[in-house]
Amino acid sequence: MRHTKIVATLGPASASEATVDALLAAGVDVFRINSSHGTRDDRRRMVDLVRRRAAEAGRIVGVLQDLAGPKIRIGQLADPDGVQLEAGARLRIAVGDFPGDAERVSTTCEPLAAAVRGGETLLIDDGQILLRAVSSDGTEIVAEVEHGGLLTSRKGINAPGVELPLSAVTDVDMDEIEAGVAMGVDFIGVSFVQNADDLRKARAMTWAHGGDGVGLVAKIERPQAIERFDDILAVSDAVMVARGDLGLEIPLERVPRVQKSLTRRARDAGVPVIVATQVFETMRHAPRPTRAEVSDAANAVDDGVDAIMLAGETAAGEYPVLVVQTLDAVLRDAESMQPDRVIPGAIGDRHDRALCDAAVTLAAAAGATSIVAVTGSGATERLLAALRPSIPIHGVTADDAVARQLALHRSVSPLVAAADCLVQGALKPELVRRGIVKAGDAVVIARVHSDLEVEDANFVELQRF
């Protein structure tokens, strides 16, 4: 099996029955739905589409709802074709809502004008246009164009290094969280996280609407999130290194080093980590990735990421299925060179962690073909996945929602079985019946619980079938 998971974004190029079927066959593990695009009805249809086609294919896959967050944008321009900004010209960015032109544009983000000071950098349209702030009176920024270009309506603005007093969870996001919980999404991605409180606010909203089991993915896109990463890790179910905005908020040359550092720290904490943005960007319009893109994906495998995410490549690209097939091949080849290893630092001093450590060590020593973990919440599989074993982890649970969340974790192959099949005497025949194990296989079976008094729990067993 492939250990590193693939997250694919649905959009106009892929949100059809035939394409979703092909993406499932190509190996997508989690489907991402971007709340920044389309209508709520569009997103509801996508969730329903994934559920129906996955059930038909007999696949267990997760759905990740990605919130828009407080993305700062310029307003509408009077000219629908945009305006050309020339180097050396002055551009005023004023708080308000009015048709802009080449001399003055609007933004509805009041804190931006209040926070920016003279000399600070402003980037527009993913860094295609670079401005240098000259002054600000709290309601209007005067900036000089250093690198010009074509400016069109609603382009994003980044102010690298400027901490804005904006919550990562906007009023619009709150409505989207309520809708996402009602749709039954498995994960919610919180954009532009700056601190742990942003996650706590999102968590409170999911709980308020009955989404206690929904996993929260903290998107690391701002330098403040890097500085407070350990605090954010402690309240997140997964993290995403979102290299798009991150590469605008910090110097571009720091992105690879930061990605490696965040991956290591998340991995050691046992928190799944996703790497995203421009993975195979070339394949939006070409049938093959560049050699550099292939090397980037393979290096992410070497670093031990749980998942790699495709965005525009599958949402709006010309080759949504081929790009997944290509990434699958790259990941499998990279994994073929992975040594057997237990990740140091991923295990603490609790008994449940120690038992998982023992399971992985025993499996390696005995040449086991897989580890089977029985779970109610998915916690055992998460601990095992953090150790990065080189063999599959079969996560067996009676809970469909838990199984879908396990689809994100490295090496974990989720399996849903009736509760009466999970007891010790009935588990082994069920594994054989499902084809999970075959005659001659050596398998480690683990049932771990944080409560030592739970009956029929806290054991690790080596079994040859």
Foldseek 3Di string as FASTA:
>chain_A
DFQAAEEEEAAPQAQDLVRLLLQVVLGHAEYEYEPVDDDLVVVLSSLVSNVVSCVVVVAQHAYEYEYPFDFWWWAAAPDQQFAWADAFAKAKEFQDHDHHYNHYIYTVDQQVLQFDAAQFWKAWQLNQWIWGWHGGPSGMTITGTHHIGGDGGGITMDGAPTDGPGQLQDPVNLVVLLSCVVSPGQEYERPPDQALVSLVVSCVSCVVNPNNRRFYEYEDQAVSCLVHVVRNLVRGQAYEDACRNNCVRDPVVCSVVSVLVSLLVSLLQLHAYEYEDPLQVVQLEDLDGDPVSLVVLLVVVVSPHNYYYDYCNQRRGPCNSSVSSVSSVSSVVSLVPDDFFFRPNNADDALLLVLLVVQLVVCVVVVFQEEEEEDAQLPSVSSNLSRPGSHAYEYEYQDSSSQNVCSRGGRYRYDHDHPVCRQPVNVVVVCVVVVVDDAQGWYKYAFADSDPPDPRHDDIDIDGD
